[in-house]
Amino acid sequence: MATADDFKLIRDIHSTGGRRQVFGSREQKPFEDLVDLGWLKRSSVDSRATHYQITERGTSAALRS
């Protein structure tokens, strides 16, 4: 179930172009929660960072909240 923090984060991602690059596993937790909700997808993972991209479902969540 989505929390207020999830909605805040997805709105922020949506308003900044729908993509986010995250460094470090500790920083990934909130983004992985959004992946579980279907709002983000991992677009790539390299040795230093994980790249996330908003999904259509995530865009809908950002616009309705």
N, C-alpha and C. Protein backbone atom coordinates (compact mmCIF):
# COMPACT_ATOMS: atom_id res chain seq x y z
N MET A 1 0.85 -1.18 0.00
CA MET A 1 0.00 0.00 0.00
C MET A 1 0.90 1.25 0.00
N ALA A 2 0.53 2.20 -0.80
CA ALA A 2 1.32 3.42 -0.94
C ALA A 2 1.17 4.33 0.28
N THR A 3 2.27 4.96 0.64
CA THR A 3 2.27 5.89 1.77
C THR A 3 2.35 7.32 1.23
N ALA A 4 2.18 8.27 2.12
CA ALA A 4 2.30 9.68 1.75
C ALA A 4 3.69 9.98 1.20
N ASP A 5 4.71 9.36 1.78
CA ASP A 5 6.08 9.55 1.29
C ASP A 5 6.26 9.00 -0.13
N ASP A 6 5.58 7.89 -0.44
CA ASP A 6 5.63 7.34 -1.79
C ASP A 6 5.06 8.33 -2.80
N PHE A 7 3.91 8.91 -2.46
CA PHE A 7 3.29 9.89 -3.35
C PHE A 7 4.17 11.13 -3.51
N LYS A 8 4.78 11.56 -2.44
CA LYS A 8 5.67 12.73 -2.51
C LYS A 8 6.85 12.45 -3.43
N LEU A 9 7.46 11.28 -3.29
CA LEU A 9 8.61 10.92 -4.10
C LEU A 9 8.23 10.78 -5.57
N ILE A 10 7.11 10.15 -5.88
CA ILE A 10 6.72 9.96 -7.28
C ILE A 10 6.36 11.30 -7.92
N ARG A 11 5.77 12.22 -7.16
CA ARG A 11 5.50 13.57 -7.69
C ARG A 11 6.81 14.29 -8.01
N ASP A 12 7.78 14.15 -7.13
CA ASP A 12 9.08 14.79 -7.35
C ASP A 12 9.77 14.22 -8.59
N ILE A 13 9.75 12.91 -8.73
CA ILE A 13 10.37 12.28 -9.89
C ILE A 13 9.66 12.71 -11.17
N HIS A 14 8.34 12.74 -11.13
CA HIS A 14 7.56 13.14 -12.30
C HIS A 14 7.87 14.59 -12.69
N SER A 15 7.97 15.47 -11.71
CA SER A 15 8.18 16.89 -12.00
C SER A 15 9.59 17.19 -12.50
N THR A 16 10.53 16.26 -12.30
CA THR A 16 11.90 16.48 -12.75
C THR A 16 12.26 15.63 -13.97
N GLY A 17 11.27 15.22 -14.73
CA GLY A 17 11.54 14.54 -15.99
C GLY A 17 11.30 13.05 -16.01
N GLY A 18 10.95 12.45 -14.88
CA GLY A 18 10.58 11.04 -14.86
C GLY A 18 11.72 10.05 -14.74
N ARG A 19 12.92 10.54 -14.51
CA ARG A 19 14.07 9.64 -14.36
C ARG A 19 14.86 10.03 -13.11
N ARG A 20 15.52 9.03 -12.54
CA ARG A 20 16.35 9.28 -11.36
C ARG A 20 17.51 8.30 -11.35
N GLN A 21 18.67 8.80 -10.99
CA GLN A 21 19.87 7.97 -10.82
C GLN A 21 20.18 7.95 -9.34
N VAL A 22 20.37 6.76 -8.78
CA VAL A 22 20.56 6.60 -7.35
C VAL A 22 21.87 5.86 -7.09
N PHE A 23 22.66 6.41 -6.17
CA PHE A 23 23.93 5.81 -5.79
C PHE A 23 23.80 5.19 -4.40
N GLY A 24 24.31 4.02 -4.21
CA GLY A 24 24.33 3.38 -2.89
C GLY A 24 23.05 2.64 -2.56
N SER A 25 23.22 1.49 -1.92
CA SER A 25 22.07 0.63 -1.63
C SER A 25 21.12 1.24 -0.60
N ARG A 26 21.64 2.02 0.33
CA ARG A 26 20.78 2.63 1.34
C ARG A 26 19.81 3.63 0.70
N GLU A 27 20.29 4.34 -0.30
CA GLU A 27 19.47 5.33 -0.99
C GLU A 27 18.40 4.68 -1.87
N GLN A 28 18.57 3.42 -2.22
CA GLN A 28 17.66 2.75 -3.15
C GLN A 28 16.34 2.32 -2.51
N LYS A 29 16.28 2.15 -1.23
CA LYS A 29 15.09 1.58 -0.56
C LYS A 29 13.79 2.27 -0.97
N PRO A 30 13.69 3.61 -0.88
CA PRO A 30 12.42 4.23 -1.27
C PRO A 30 12.07 4.01 -2.75
N PHE A 31 13.08 3.94 -3.59
CA PHE A 31 12.85 3.73 -5.02
C PHE A 31 12.41 2.30 -5.29
N GLU A 32 12.99 1.36 -4.56
CA GLU A 32 12.59 -0.04 -4.72
C GLU A 32 11.14 -0.24 -4.26
N ASP A 33 10.70 0.52 -3.25
CA ASP A 33 9.30 0.46 -2.84
C ASP A 33 8.39 0.89 -4.00
N LEU A 34 8.82 1.91 -4.76
CA LEU A 34 8.03 2.38 -5.90
C LEU A 34 8.07 1.37 -7.05
N VAL A 35 9.17 0.65 -7.19
CA VAL A 35 9.24 -0.44 -8.18
C VAL A 35 8.21 -1.50 -7.81
N ASP A 36 8.13 -1.85 -6.52
CA ASP A 36 7.17 -2.85 -6.05
C ASP A 36 5.73 -2.42 -6.33
N LEU A 37 5.47 -1.12 -6.26
CA LEU A 37 4.13 -0.59 -6.54
C LEU A 37 3.84 -0.52 -8.05
N GLY A 38 4.87 -0.69 -8.86
CA GLY A 38 4.70 -0.59 -10.30
C GLY A 38 4.81 0.83 -10.82
N TRP A 39 5.27 1.73 -9.98
CA TRP A 39 5.36 3.15 -10.35
C TRP A 39 6.68 3.51 -11.02
N LEU A 40 7.71 2.73 -10.74
CA LEU A 40 9.03 2.92 -11.36
C LEU A 40 9.49 1.60 -11.91
N LYS A 41 10.41 1.68 -12.87
CA LYS A 41 11.11 0.48 -13.33
C LYS A 41 12.59 0.79 -13.33
N ARG A 42 13.38 -0.24 -13.07
CA ARG A 42 14.83 -0.10 -13.16
C ARG A 42 15.19 -0.09 -14.63
N SER A 43 15.77 0.99 -15.09
CA SER A 43 16.13 1.04 -16.51
C SER A 43 17.54 0.53 -16.74
N SER A 44 18.40 0.63 -15.74
CA SER A 44 19.73 0.03 -15.84
C SER A 44 20.40 0.03 -14.48
N VAL A 45 21.33 -0.87 -14.33
CA VAL A 45 22.13 -0.96 -13.12
C VAL A 45 23.58 -1.08 -13.56
N ASP A 46 24.42 -0.18 -13.06
CA ASP A 46 25.86 -0.33 -13.34
C ASP A 46 26.58 -0.47 -12.00
N SER A 47 27.87 -0.47 -12.03
CA SER A 47 28.64 -0.75 -10.82
C SER A 47 28.50 0.34 -9.75
N ARG A 48 28.12 1.54 -10.13
CA ARG A 48 28.04 2.64 -9.17
C ARG A 48 26.62 3.13 -8.90
N ALA A 49 25.70 2.90 -9.82
CA ALA A 49 24.38 3.52 -9.68
C ALA A 49 23.29 2.64 -10.27
N THR A 50 22.07 2.92 -9.83
CA THR A 50 20.88 2.31 -10.41
C THR A 50 20.05 3.43 -11.01
N HIS A 51 19.54 3.20 -12.21
CA HIS A 51 18.75 4.20 -12.91
C HIS A 51 17.29 3.75 -12.89
N TYR A 52 16.42 4.67 -12.56
CA TYR A 52 14.99 4.38 -12.50
C TYR A 52 14.25 5.29 -13.47
N GLN A 53 13.14 4.77 -14.00
CA GLN A 53 12.30 5.54 -14.91
C GLN A 53 10.85 5.35 -14.50
N ILE A 54 10.09 6.44 -14.54
CA ILE A 54 8.70 6.39 -14.14
C ILE A 54 7.89 5.58 -15.16
N THR A 55 6.90 4.85 -14.69
CA THR A 55 6.02 4.08 -15.56
C THR A 55 4.73 4.87 -15.78
N GLU A 56 3.90 4.37 -16.66
CA GLU A 56 2.60 5.00 -16.90
C GLU A 56 1.76 5.00 -15.62
N ARG A 57 1.84 3.92 -14.89
CA ARG A 57 1.12 3.83 -13.60
C ARG A 57 1.66 4.86 -12.60
N GLY A 58 2.98 5.06 -12.61
CA GLY A 58 3.59 6.06 -11.74
C GLY A 58 3.19 7.48 -12.12
N THR A 59 3.10 7.73 -13.42
CA THR A 59 2.65 9.05 -13.88
C THR A 59 1.23 9.31 -13.41
N SER A 60 0.37 8.31 -13.52
CA SER A 60 -1.01 8.46 -13.04
C SER A 60 -1.06 8.75 -11.55
N ALA A 61 -0.23 8.05 -10.78
CA ALA A 61 -0.19 8.27 -9.33
C ALA A 61 0.29 9.68 -9.01
N ALA A 62 1.28 10.15 -9.75
CA ALA A 62 1.81 11.50 -9.52
C ALA A 62 0.76 12.56 -9.82
N LEU A 63 -0.01 12.36 -10.86
CA LEU A 63 -0.99 13.36 -11.27
C LEU A 63 -2.24 13.36 -10.40
N ARG A 64 -2.57 12.22 -9.81
CA ARG A 64 -3.79 12.17 -9.00
C ARG A 64 -3.56 12.53 -7.54
N SER A 65 -2.30 12.62 -7.13
CA SER A 65 -2.04 12.89 -5.70
C SER A 65 -1.80 14.36 -5.46
